[in-house]
Amino acid sequence: MQNKNARTLLQQKIDSKLLQAINDHKSNQTPARANRDSLNINEDKTDNLNVDINAEVTDDLIARIKTLGGKVIYPATIYHTIRAEVPLSIVEAIARYQEVKFIQQANVPLHNDDSYNTKSRYQKKLKIKTAKTSS
């Protein structure tokens, strides 16, 4: 990994482990996945991973992420954060947007209880609201 001071402005908006995973992915070599595993990058078999995007959250930014092929899991305007599932190949494109300040792999809880998962909590709130309104 190159010295952080030598990174471009675009690269500085991406977490160093995530940036290394992107570079490995670009090399498209079989050993690259093993290297990404050592970085603790939790991507699925299709190279998608959950990321937290620190940004000025707007409908336009959300639409652009979706257009690139990302899936917005939860936009939190008040916290200036978007949790999204994205392919590694579009992380740099997202970082190019002026509203985006920083991208990192999504923080996950250190336990197996899915009730603390952001997506899961949000979906539960929606189910509760829907149940109350349909009663």
Protein backbone atom coordinates (compact mmCIF):
# COMPACT_ATOMS: atom_id res chain seq x y z
CA MET A 1 0.00 0.00 0.00
CA GLN A 2 1.34 3.35 -0.94
CA ASN A 3 2.09 6.07 1.59
CA LYS A 4 -1.12 7.87 2.59
CA ASN A 5 0.48 11.24 1.84
CA ALA A 6 1.14 10.11 -1.75
CA ARG A 7 -2.52 9.22 -2.36
CA THR A 8 -4.64 11.32 -4.70
CA LEU A 9 -7.54 13.38 -3.32
CA LEU A 10 -9.92 10.72 -4.63
CA GLN A 11 -7.96 7.93 -2.92
CA GLN A 12 -7.93 9.89 0.35
CA LYS A 13 -11.74 9.64 0.40
CA ILE A 14 -11.50 5.82 0.56
CA ASP A 15 -10.44 3.77 3.59
CA SER A 16 -6.95 2.32 3.03
CA LYS A 17 -8.04 -1.33 3.44
CA LEU A 18 -10.91 -0.79 1.04
CA LEU A 19 -8.59 0.96 -1.42
CA GLN A 20 -6.19 -2.00 -1.27
CA ALA A 21 -9.10 -4.38 -1.95
CA ILE A 22 -10.10 -2.25 -4.97
CA ASN A 23 -6.55 -2.37 -6.33
CA ASP A 24 -6.44 -6.14 -5.82
CA HIS A 25 -9.81 -6.48 -7.54
CA LYS A 26 -8.55 -4.47 -10.51
CA SER A 27 -5.58 -6.82 -10.86
CA ASN A 28 -8.19 -9.60 -11.39
CA GLN A 29 -5.87 -12.33 -10.16
CA THR A 30 -6.94 -15.44 -8.26
CA PRO A 31 -4.67 -14.75 -5.24
CA ALA A 32 -6.24 -11.30 -4.90
CA ARG A 33 -9.32 -12.64 -3.07
CA ALA A 34 -7.09 -14.34 -0.49
CA ASN A 35 -5.30 -11.04 0.01
CA ARG A 36 -8.65 -9.24 0.47
CA ASP A 37 -9.60 -11.86 3.05
CA SER A 38 -6.47 -10.94 5.02
CA LEU A 39 -7.67 -7.30 4.94
CA ASN A 40 -11.00 -8.39 6.51
CA ILE A 41 -13.00 -7.04 3.58
CA ASN A 42 -16.35 -8.80 3.84
CA GLU A 43 -17.49 -9.05 0.26
CA ASP A 44 -19.85 -11.68 -1.12
CA LYS A 45 -19.21 -14.02 -4.05
CA THR A 46 -20.20 -11.30 -6.52
CA ASP A 47 -17.67 -8.83 -5.01
CA ASN A 48 -20.43 -6.76 -3.35
CA LEU A 49 -19.86 -5.40 0.11
CA ASN A 50 -21.62 -3.13 2.55
CA VAL A 51 -20.08 0.31 2.89
CA ASP A 52 -20.74 3.37 4.99
CA ILE A 53 -20.57 6.55 2.94
CA ASN A 54 -20.01 9.78 4.84
CA ALA A 55 -21.65 12.44 2.70
CA GLU A 56 -24.17 15.18 2.32
CA VAL A 57 -27.14 12.85 1.84
CA THR A 58 -29.43 13.97 -0.97
CA ASP A 59 -32.02 12.24 -3.13
CA ASP A 60 -29.78 12.95 -6.12
CA LEU A 61 -26.78 11.20 -4.53
CA ILE A 62 -28.93 8.20 -3.61
CA ALA A 63 -30.23 8.01 -7.19
CA ARG A 64 -26.69 8.20 -8.61
CA ILE A 65 -25.50 5.36 -6.33
CA LYS A 66 -28.42 3.23 -7.53
CA THR A 67 -27.70 4.11 -11.17
CA LEU A 68 -24.12 2.88 -10.73
CA GLY A 69 -25.45 -0.47 -9.49
CA GLY A 70 -25.42 0.08 -5.73
CA LYS A 71 -28.24 -0.81 -3.39
CA VAL A 72 -28.97 1.82 -0.75
CA ILE A 73 -29.77 0.04 2.48
CA TYR A 74 -30.32 3.01 4.74
CA PRO A 75 -29.75 6.72 4.19
CA ALA A 76 -29.33 8.62 7.46
CA THR A 77 -29.55 12.29 6.56
CA ILE A 78 -29.17 13.46 10.17
CA TYR A 79 -25.88 11.52 10.51
CA HIS A 80 -24.63 12.37 6.99
CA THR A 81 -24.27 8.67 6.25
CA ILE A 82 -25.51 6.19 3.69
CA ARG A 83 -25.21 2.45 4.22
CA ALA A 84 -25.13 0.77 0.84
CA GLU A 85 -24.32 -2.57 -0.75
CA VAL A 86 -22.03 -1.90 -3.70
CA PRO A 87 -19.69 -3.76 -6.03
CA LEU A 88 -16.01 -3.00 -5.41
CA SER A 89 -15.83 -1.75 -8.98
CA ILE A 90 -17.99 1.35 -8.26
CA VAL A 91 -16.47 2.54 -4.97
CA GLU A 92 -14.11 4.95 -6.73
CA ALA A 93 -16.94 6.31 -8.88
CA ILE A 94 -18.96 7.04 -5.74
CA ALA A 95 -15.94 8.73 -4.14
CA ARG A 96 -15.76 11.12 -7.12
CA TYR A 97 -19.04 12.76 -6.14
CA GLN A 98 -18.50 16.11 -4.47
CA GLU A 99 -21.01 15.33 -1.67
CA VAL A 100 -19.00 12.26 -0.62
CA LYS A 101 -16.44 12.85 2.12
CA PHE A 102 -15.32 9.30 2.97
CA ILE A 103 -16.14 5.65 2.20
CA GLN A 104 -15.32 2.70 4.41
CA GLN A 105 -16.47 -0.84 4.87
CA ALA A 106 -19.64 -0.87 6.94
CA ASN A 107 -19.10 -1.37 10.63
CA VAL A 108 -20.68 -4.59 11.78
CA PRO A 109 -21.46 -5.60 15.35
CA LEU A 110 -19.18 -8.06 17.07
CA HIS A 111 -22.00 -10.47 17.89
CA ASN A 112 -24.40 -12.66 15.95
CA ASP A 113 -27.62 -10.93 16.97
CA ASP A 114 -29.09 -9.55 13.72
CA SER A 115 -31.36 -7.20 15.67
CA TYR A 116 -28.47 -4.70 15.80
CA ASN A 117 -28.06 -4.68 12.03
CA THR A 118 -29.09 -1.27 10.65
CA LYS A 119 -31.09 -2.74 7.78
CA SER A 120 -32.80 -5.18 10.10
CA ARG A 121 -33.79 -2.45 12.60
CA TYR A 122 -35.09 -0.23 9.82
CA GLN A 123 -37.17 -3.05 8.33
CA LYS A 124 -38.59 -3.88 11.76
CA LYS A 125 -39.63 -0.24 12.25
CA LEU A 126 -41.38 -0.29 8.88
CA LYS A 127 -43.22 -3.50 9.79
CA ILE A 128 -44.34 -2.01 13.10
CA LYS A 129 -45.58 1.20 11.43
CA THR A 130 -47.36 -0.80 8.73
CA ALA A 131 -49.00 -3.05 11.29
CA LYS A 132 -50.23 -0.06 13.31
CA THR A 133 -51.66 1.74 10.31
CA SER A 134 -53.45 -1.34 8.96
CA SER A 135 -55.14 -2.10 12.27
